[in-house]
């Protein structure tokens, strides 16, 4: 990459926020090329999930097809799924190395590489915890994604107790975020009571704001509700602002993470908070190219008229925004949860198919 290209991409927005506020920038991809450039913008972390991993591998098949063959040869009895996940592990380990300087500099608060547990385990807490422990040993700065499902909440507590740094995922609502943060706190307290060593876990609780927006837009259209579409762009932002402020009030040791970008406000409206914002790399480029101001806006509330209208006319927003909007028994059936789990499962199946084509090519 030429210095001219780098300088052109590097406008003040992301760097200003990284240098002047408590807000941490993470890259919503483990692709090493994208991550290296994102670090230039101030990124101190990265995330990975089945969709991201599949995208990264498909974007560079010239590199990954030989690697998949190499992994298969080294593991002659492995299934296509096992080979695919070994590739995800390799991708994650390589990305984690790029983040080691930030990990050391922040004492483990940042510099984390997130790797997601297998979405097929979303009903099996024991399997989630076992895989989380395995992933946490891949590199010292690994943080493990566990879904905010009913089974996942129990797994989050147990994995925390066993020393795993957690990134809560498949989470869209204030109630999910708070229940997940409480689970992390319980795990940490159990560690203290058991005399286990204390450390900086750097755990985060994701709210997938854009996916919440997607769900609400779908329901509004299905229910034939006419509402200013601009209001719906604020739903995820409102949930994240509210959750962040409750986290601060309650003194949780985890932070909110903003993910699943659909608009730049999911960055700009959260700048200033002690939280993590994880845009896809292309969103980082767009934020920089458009010089979106890196102003401290975390404490500026969403317009009361917007909140009032959404609360009155969109019941699913109420469920997402209210502290007790969902019970833990409702986490799995929330529309955004079902949609996201299905997408993760489909990406997992697509990765299996890609490996299958390597192992058993189509006959001529």
Protein backbone atom coordinates (compact mmCIF):
# COMPACT_ATOMS: atom_id res chain seq x y z
CA UNK A 1 0.00 0.00 0.00
CA UNK A 2 1.42 3.35 -1.02
CA UNK A 3 1.77 6.19 1.46
CA UNK A 4 -0.51 8.28 -0.76
CA UNK A 5 -3.38 5.79 -0.41
CA UNK A 6 -2.84 5.49 3.32
CA UNK A 7 -2.82 9.25 3.83
CA UNK A 8 -5.95 9.66 1.75
CA UNK A 9 -7.86 7.07 3.75
CA UNK A 10 -6.66 8.41 7.10
CA UNK A 11 -8.86 11.43 7.87
CA UNK A 12 -9.36 12.75 11.43
CA UNK A 13 -12.69 11.11 12.35
CA UNK A 14 -11.74 7.68 13.69
CA UNK A 15 -8.27 8.66 14.88
CA UNK A 16 -9.63 11.70 16.69
CA UNK A 17 -12.14 9.60 18.60
CA UNK A 18 -9.51 6.97 19.42
CA UNK A 19 -7.01 9.54 20.68
CA UNK A 20 -9.31 11.94 22.55
CA UNK A 21 -12.08 9.80 24.09
CA UNK A 22 -12.54 6.61 26.11
CA UNK A 23 -14.21 4.98 23.13
CA UNK A 24 -12.38 1.98 21.64
CA UNK A 25 -12.47 1.14 17.94
CA UNK A 26 -12.51 -2.51 16.93
CA UNK A 27 -12.58 -3.84 13.37
CA UNK A 28 -15.58 -6.01 12.54
CA UNK A 29 -13.45 -8.52 10.67
CA UNK A 30 -10.47 -10.75 11.34
CA UNK A 31 -9.19 -10.32 7.78
CA UNK A 32 -5.50 -9.50 8.39
CA UNK A 33 -5.24 -6.97 5.54
CA UNK A 34 -8.30 -5.02 6.66
CA UNK A 35 -7.27 -5.26 10.30
CA UNK A 36 -3.78 -3.90 9.63
CA UNK A 37 -5.26 -0.85 7.93
CA UNK A 38 -7.89 -0.44 10.65
CA UNK A 39 -5.11 -0.36 13.25
CA UNK A 40 -3.81 2.69 11.37
CA UNK A 41 -7.18 4.32 12.10
CA UNK A 42 -6.82 3.57 15.82
CA UNK A 43 -8.38 0.09 16.04
CA UNK A 44 -7.45 -1.87 19.16
CA UNK A 45 -9.53 -5.00 18.60
CA UNK A 46 -11.31 -7.16 16.05
CA UNK A 47 -14.24 -9.53 15.85
CA UNK A 48 -15.06 -12.69 13.95
CA UNK A 49 -18.21 -14.76 13.45
CA UNK A 50 -19.25 -17.43 10.92
CA UNK A 51 -20.37 -14.82 8.38
CA UNK A 52 -17.19 -12.75 8.79
CA UNK A 53 -14.92 -15.79 8.63
CA UNK A 54 -16.61 -17.11 5.51
CA UNK A 55 -16.39 -13.70 3.86
CA UNK A 56 -12.68 -13.38 4.70
CA UNK A 57 -11.90 -16.84 3.33
CA UNK A 58 -13.95 -16.37 0.14
CA UNK A 59 -12.34 -12.97 -0.44
CA UNK A 60 -8.93 -14.61 -0.66
CA UNK A 61 -9.46 -18.10 -2.05
CA UNK A 62 -6.01 -18.07 -3.65
CA UNK A 63 -4.57 -18.07 -0.14
CA UNK A 64 -7.17 -20.19 1.64
CA UNK A 65 -7.78 -23.08 -0.75
CA UNK A 66 -4.18 -24.35 -0.36
CA UNK A 67 -4.49 -23.79 3.39
CA UNK A 68 -7.68 -25.83 3.54
CA UNK A 69 -5.94 -28.64 1.65
CA UNK A 70 -2.99 -28.41 4.04
CA UNK A 71 -5.29 -28.57 7.08
CA UNK A 72 -7.12 -31.55 5.56
CA UNK A 73 -3.86 -33.41 4.91
CA UNK A 74 -2.67 -32.76 8.47
CA UNK A 75 -6.00 -34.02 9.86
CA UNK A 76 -6.88 -37.02 7.68
CA UNK A 77 -9.90 -38.12 9.74
CA UNK A 78 -11.37 -34.64 10.27
CA UNK A 79 -14.84 -33.85 8.98
CA UNK A 80 -15.43 -30.94 6.62
CA UNK A 81 -16.87 -28.99 9.54
CA UNK A 82 -13.82 -29.67 11.71
CA UNK A 83 -11.53 -28.55 8.89
CA UNK A 84 -13.55 -25.37 8.41
CA UNK A 85 -13.30 -24.51 12.08
CA UNK A 86 -9.56 -25.21 12.11
CA UNK A 87 -9.32 -22.63 9.31
CA UNK A 88 -11.31 -20.16 11.42
CA UNK A 89 -8.89 -20.79 14.29
CA UNK A 90 -5.91 -20.12 12.05
CA UNK A 91 -7.46 -16.90 10.77
CA UNK A 92 -8.14 -15.80 14.35
CA UNK A 93 -4.65 -16.62 15.64
CA UNK A 94 -3.06 -14.60 12.84
CA UNK A 95 -5.33 -11.63 13.54
CA UNK A 96 -4.68 -11.88 17.29
CA UNK A 97 -0.94 -11.40 16.68
CA UNK A 98 -1.60 -8.04 15.07
CA UNK A 99 -3.40 -6.93 18.23
CA UNK A 100 -0.78 -8.01 20.76
CA UNK A 101 0.77 -4.50 21.06
CA UNK A 102 -2.63 -3.00 21.99
CA UNK A 103 -3.26 -5.90 24.38
CA UNK A 104 0.01 -5.20 26.20
CA UNK A 105 -0.46 -1.43 26.13
CA UNK A 106 -3.96 -1.58 27.67
CA UNK A 107 -3.29 -4.38 30.12
CA UNK A 108 -5.79 -6.64 28.39
CA UNK A 109 -8.66 -4.15 28.32
CA UNK A 110 -8.33 -3.96 24.53
CA UNK A 111 -6.17 -5.69 21.94
CA UNK A 112 -8.69 -8.52 21.81
CA UNK A 113 -9.58 -10.80 18.91
CA UNK A 114 -13.10 -12.22 19.16
CA UNK A 115 -13.79 -15.73 17.94
CA UNK A 116 -17.33 -17.07 17.89
CA UNK A 117 -18.48 -20.37 19.33
CA UNK A 118 -20.10 -22.77 16.89
CA UNK A 119 -23.70 -21.59 16.33
CA UNK A 120 -24.82 -25.23 16.25
CA UNK A 121 -24.10 -25.33 20.00
CA UNK A 122 -26.66 -22.62 20.82
CA UNK A 123 -28.80 -25.17 22.71
CA UNK A 124 -25.88 -26.94 24.42
CA UNK A 125 -24.36 -24.98 27.29
CA UNK A 126 -21.73 -27.57 28.12
CA UNK A 127 -20.47 -27.58 24.52
CA UNK A 128 -20.37 -23.76 24.45
CA UNK A 129 -18.26 -23.63 27.61
CA UNK A 130 -15.91 -26.39 26.46
CA UNK A 131 -15.32 -24.71 23.10
CA UNK A 132 -14.93 -21.30 24.76
CA UNK A 133 -12.17 -22.71 26.97
CA UNK A 134 -10.47 -24.22 23.94
CA UNK A 135 -10.60 -20.97 21.98
CA UNK A 136 -9.32 -18.96 24.94
CA UNK A 137 -6.12 -21.01 24.88
CA UNK A 138 -5.35 -20.23 21.22
CA UNK A 139 -3.74 -16.88 22.12
CA UNK A 140 -3.52 -14.77 25.30
CA UNK A 141 -5.66 -12.00 23.80
CA UNK A 142 -8.57 -14.13 22.57
CA UNK A 143 -12.08 -13.13 23.64
CA UNK A 144 -14.86 -15.64 22.99
CA UNK A 145 -18.34 -14.93 21.62
CA UNK A 146 -21.25 -16.69 23.32
CA UNK A 147 -24.86 -15.92 22.35
CA UNK A 148 -27.33 -14.17 24.66
CA UNK A 149 -29.79 -17.05 24.50
CA UNK A 150 -31.21 -18.69 27.62
CA UNK A 151 -28.62 -21.47 27.41
CA UNK A 152 -25.94 -18.97 26.43
CA UNK A 153 -26.47 -16.82 29.53
CA UNK A 154 -25.67 -19.75 31.82
CA UNK A 155 -22.65 -20.61 29.63
CA UNK A 156 -21.42 -17.00 29.86
CA UNK A 157 -21.37 -17.19 33.66
CA UNK A 158 -19.63 -20.58 33.73
CA UNK A 159 -17.06 -19.69 31.08
CA UNK A 160 -16.25 -16.45 32.93
CA UNK A 161 -15.75 -18.43 36.12
CA UNK A 162 -13.32 -20.69 34.24
CA UNK A 163 -11.27 -17.69 33.12
CA UNK A 164 -12.62 -17.01 29.62
CA UNK A 165 -12.93 -13.42 28.41
CA UNK A 166 -16.40 -13.00 26.94
CA UNK A 167 -17.92 -11.13 24.03
CA UNK A 168 -21.68 -11.56 24.32
CA UNK A 169 -23.24 -11.90 20.86
CA UNK A 170 -26.65 -12.51 19.27
CA UNK A 171 -27.80 -9.66 21.52
CA UNK A 172 -30.11 -6.85 20.40
CA UNK A 173 -31.94 -5.52 23.43
CA UNK A 174 -31.35 -3.67 26.68
CA UNK A 175 -32.70 -6.60 28.69
CA UNK A 176 -30.36 -9.10 27.01
CA UNK A 177 -27.38 -6.82 27.63
CA UNK A 178 -28.19 -6.38 31.32
CA UNK A 179 -28.84 -10.07 31.95
CA UNK A 180 -25.57 -10.94 30.17
CA UNK A 181 -23.61 -8.35 32.18
CA UNK A 182 -25.06 -9.78 35.39
CA UNK A 183 -23.95 -13.26 34.30
CA UNK A 184 -20.40 -11.99 33.76
CA UNK A 185 -20.45 -10.37 37.20
CA UNK A 186 -21.65 -13.62 38.80
CA UNK A 187 -18.82 -15.51 37.10
CA UNK A 188 -16.26 -12.99 38.32
CA UNK A 189 -17.62 -13.11 41.88
CA UNK A 190 -17.48 -16.89 41.85
CA UNK A 191 -13.83 -16.66 40.80
CA UNK A 192 -13.13 -14.35 43.71
CA UNK A 193 -14.92 -16.64 46.18
CA UNK A 194 -12.94 -19.62 44.86
CA UNK A 195 -9.63 -17.79 45.28
CA UNK A 196 -8.92 -17.83 41.55
CA UNK A 197 -6.53 -15.18 40.21
CA UNK A 198 -7.93 -11.81 39.25
CA UNK A 199 -7.11 -10.27 35.86
CA UNK A 200 -8.40 -7.82 33.29
CA UNK A 201 -10.91 -9.84 31.29
CA UNK A 202 -11.85 -7.05 28.87
CA UNK A 203 -15.29 -8.60 28.47
CA UNK A 204 -17.84 -6.83 26.29
CA UNK A 205 -21.58 -7.13 25.73
CA UNK A 206 -22.56 -6.59 22.11
CA UNK A 207 -25.78 -4.98 21.01
CA UNK A 208 -26.25 -5.61 17.29
CA UNK A 209 -27.96 -2.29 16.70
CA UNK A 210 -28.31 -2.61 12.94
CA UNK A 211 -29.90 -6.04 13.22
CA UNK A 212 -32.40 -4.62 15.71
CA UNK A 213 -33.19 -1.88 13.18
CA UNK A 214 -33.62 -4.52 10.46
CA UNK A 215 -36.09 -6.46 12.59
CA UNK A 216 -38.15 -3.41 13.49
CA UNK A 217 -38.31 -2.30 9.85
CA UNK A 218 -39.54 -5.76 8.88
CA UNK A 219 -42.23 -5.74 11.59
CA UNK A 220 -43.38 -2.22 10.77
CA UNK A 221 -43.82 -3.22 7.12
CA UNK A 222 -45.53 -6.49 8.02
CA UNK A 223 -47.90 -4.75 10.45
CA UNK A 224 -48.59 -2.01 7.86
CA UNK A 225 -47.55 0.73 10.27
CA UNK A 226 -46.63 4.01 8.59
CA UNK A 227 -43.90 5.76 10.52
CA UNK A 228 -41.12 8.16 9.57
CA UNK A 229 -38.41 5.74 8.37
CA UNK A 230 -35.79 8.05 9.85
CA UNK A 231 -37.12 7.21 13.30
CA UNK A 232 -36.29 3.55 12.82
CA UNK A 233 -32.64 4.44 12.17
CA UNK A 234 -32.46 5.58 15.80
CA UNK A 235 -33.77 2.39 17.43
CA UNK A 236 -30.45 0.57 17.79
CA UNK A 237 -28.69 3.77 18.82
CA UNK A 238 -31.29 4.41 21.53
CA UNK A 239 -30.94 0.87 22.92
CA UNK A 240 -27.14 1.14 23.00
CA UNK A 241 -27.12 4.56 24.67
CA UNK A 242 -29.56 3.36 27.34
CA UNK A 243 -27.68 0.13 28.00
CA UNK A 244 -24.32 1.94 28.22
CA UNK A 245 -25.59 4.40 30.81
CA UNK A 246 -27.08 1.61 32.92
CA UNK A 247 -23.76 -0.28 32.71
CA UNK A 248 -21.97 2.79 34.06
CA UNK A 249 -24.55 3.34 36.82
CA UNK A 250 -24.34 -0.26 37.98
CA UNK A 251 -20.56 -0.45 37.76
CA UNK A 252 -20.40 -3.47 35.50
CA UNK A 253 -16.89 -4.57 34.63
CA UNK A 254 -17.93 -5.30 31.04
CA UNK A 255 -18.54 -2.70 28.32
CA UNK A 256 -21.17 -2.28 25.63
CA UNK A 257 -20.02 -3.06 22.07
CA UNK A 258 -21.80 -1.56 19.06
CA UNK A 259 -21.97 -3.91 16.07
CA UNK A 260 -23.94 -4.74 12.91
CA UNK A 261 -23.71 -1.29 11.32
CA UNK A 262 -26.52 0.12 9.19
CA UNK A 263 -25.80 3.84 9.59
CA UNK A 264 -22.95 6.07 10.78
CA UNK A 265 -24.89 7.12 13.91
CA UNK A 266 -24.08 3.71 15.35
CA UNK A 267 -20.58 5.19 15.65
CA UNK A 268 -21.02 8.95 15.92
CA UNK A 269 -23.81 8.91 18.53
CA UNK A 270 -21.79 6.67 20.86
CA UNK A 271 -18.43 8.44 20.71
CA UNK A 272 -17.27 9.55 24.13
CA UNK A 273 -18.51 6.56 26.09
CA UNK A 274 -16.28 3.97 27.73
CA UNK A 275 -17.43 1.37 25.25
CA UNK A 276 -16.38 -0.41 22.07
CA UNK A 277 -17.55 0.43 18.55
CA UNK A 278 -16.89 -2.25 15.94
CA UNK A 279 -17.70 -1.11 12.38
CA UNK A 280 -16.95 -3.20 9.30
CA UNK A 281 -13.87 -1.87 7.54
CA UNK A 282 -15.85 -0.33 4.69
CA UNK A 283 -17.89 1.66 7.21
CA UNK A 284 -14.63 2.94 8.69
CA UNK A 285 -13.56 4.12 5.25
CA UNK A 286 -16.90 5.86 4.71
CA UNK A 287 -16.81 7.54 8.12
CA UNK A 288 -13.34 8.86 7.37
CA UNK A 289 -14.07 9.82 3.76
CA UNK A 290 -17.11 11.85 4.87
CA UNK A 291 -15.30 13.40 7.86
CA UNK A 292 -18.10 12.49 10.26
CA UNK A 293 -17.41 14.58 13.38
CA UNK A 294 -15.85 12.71 16.29
CA UNK A 295 -17.78 14.76 18.83
CA UNK A 296 -18.64 13.50 22.30
CA UNK A 297 -22.32 12.59 21.86
CA UNK A 298 -22.82 9.61 24.18
CA UNK A 299 -24.64 11.74 26.77
CA UNK A 300 -26.90 13.48 24.25
CA UNK A 301 -30.23 11.64 24.48
CA UNK A 302 -32.21 10.52 21.48
CA UNK A 303 -35.05 12.93 20.72
CA UNK A 304 -37.98 12.25 23.09
CA UNK A 305 -40.42 12.48 20.19
CA UNK A 306 -38.61 9.66 18.40
CA UNK A 307 -38.54 7.48 21.53
CA UNK A 308 -42.19 8.25 22.27
CA UNK A 309 -43.33 7.45 18.75
CA UNK A 310 -41.37 4.20 18.57
CA UNK A 311 -42.58 3.15 22.02
CA UNK A 312 -46.22 3.88 21.16
CA UNK A 313 -46.37 2.50 17.63
CA UNK A 314 -43.76 -0.28 17.51
CA UNK A 315 -44.29 -2.91 20.23
CA UNK A 316 -41.08 -4.71 19.27
CA UNK A 317 -39.13 -1.53 20.02
CA UNK A 318 -40.67 -1.44 23.48
CA UNK A 319 -39.50 -5.01 24.04
CA UNK A 320 -35.99 -4.05 22.93
CA UNK A 321 -35.74 -0.74 24.79
CA UNK A 322 -37.36 -1.41 28.17
CA UNK A 323 -35.13 -2.79 30.92
CA UNK A 324 -37.58 -5.65 31.44
CA UNK A 325 -38.77 -5.75 27.83
CA UNK A 326 -37.84 -9.41 27.42
CA UNK A 327 -37.66 -12.17 29.99
CA UNK A 328 -34.79 -14.60 29.67
CA UNK A 329 -37.30 -17.19 28.45
CA UNK A 330 -38.11 -14.86 25.53
CA UNK A 331 -34.52 -14.26 24.39
CA UNK A 332 -34.51 -17.22 21.98
CA UNK A 333 -37.84 -16.37 20.36
CA UNK A 334 -37.14 -12.67 19.73
CA UNK A 335 -37.25 -12.11 15.97
CA UNK A 336 -33.76 -10.66 15.62
CA UNK A 337 -32.35 -13.61 17.57
CA UNK A 338 -33.97 -16.17 15.30
CA UNK A 339 -32.91 -14.33 12.16
CA UNK A 340 -29.30 -13.97 13.28
CA UNK A 341 -28.92 -17.55 14.50
CA UNK A 342 -30.27 -18.77 11.18
CA UNK A 343 -27.80 -16.61 9.26
CA UNK A 344 -24.90 -17.85 11.38
CA UNK A 345 -26.01 -21.45 10.88
CA UNK A 346 -26.34 -20.89 7.12
CA UNK A 347 -22.84 -19.39 6.97
CA UNK A 348 -21.53 -22.40 8.88
CA UNK A 349 -23.17 -24.71 6.35
CA UNK A 350 -21.72 -22.66 3.47
CA UNK A 351 -18.23 -23.00 4.98
CA UNK A 352 -18.81 -26.77 5.20
CA UNK A 353 -19.75 -26.76 1.50
CA UNK A 354 -16.62 -24.81 0.58
CA UNK A 355 -14.45 -27.37 2.39
CA UNK A 356 -16.42 -30.18 0.76
CA UNK A 357 -15.50 -28.83 -2.66
CA UNK A 358 -11.84 -28.96 -1.62
CA UNK A 359 -12.04 -32.50 -0.25
CA UNK A 360 -14.31 -33.96 -2.91
CA UNK A 361 -14.18 -31.85 -6.09
CA UNK A 362 -16.96 -32.16 -8.63
CA UNK A 363 -16.31 -34.90 -11.18
CA UNK A 364 -15.56 -33.76 -14.74
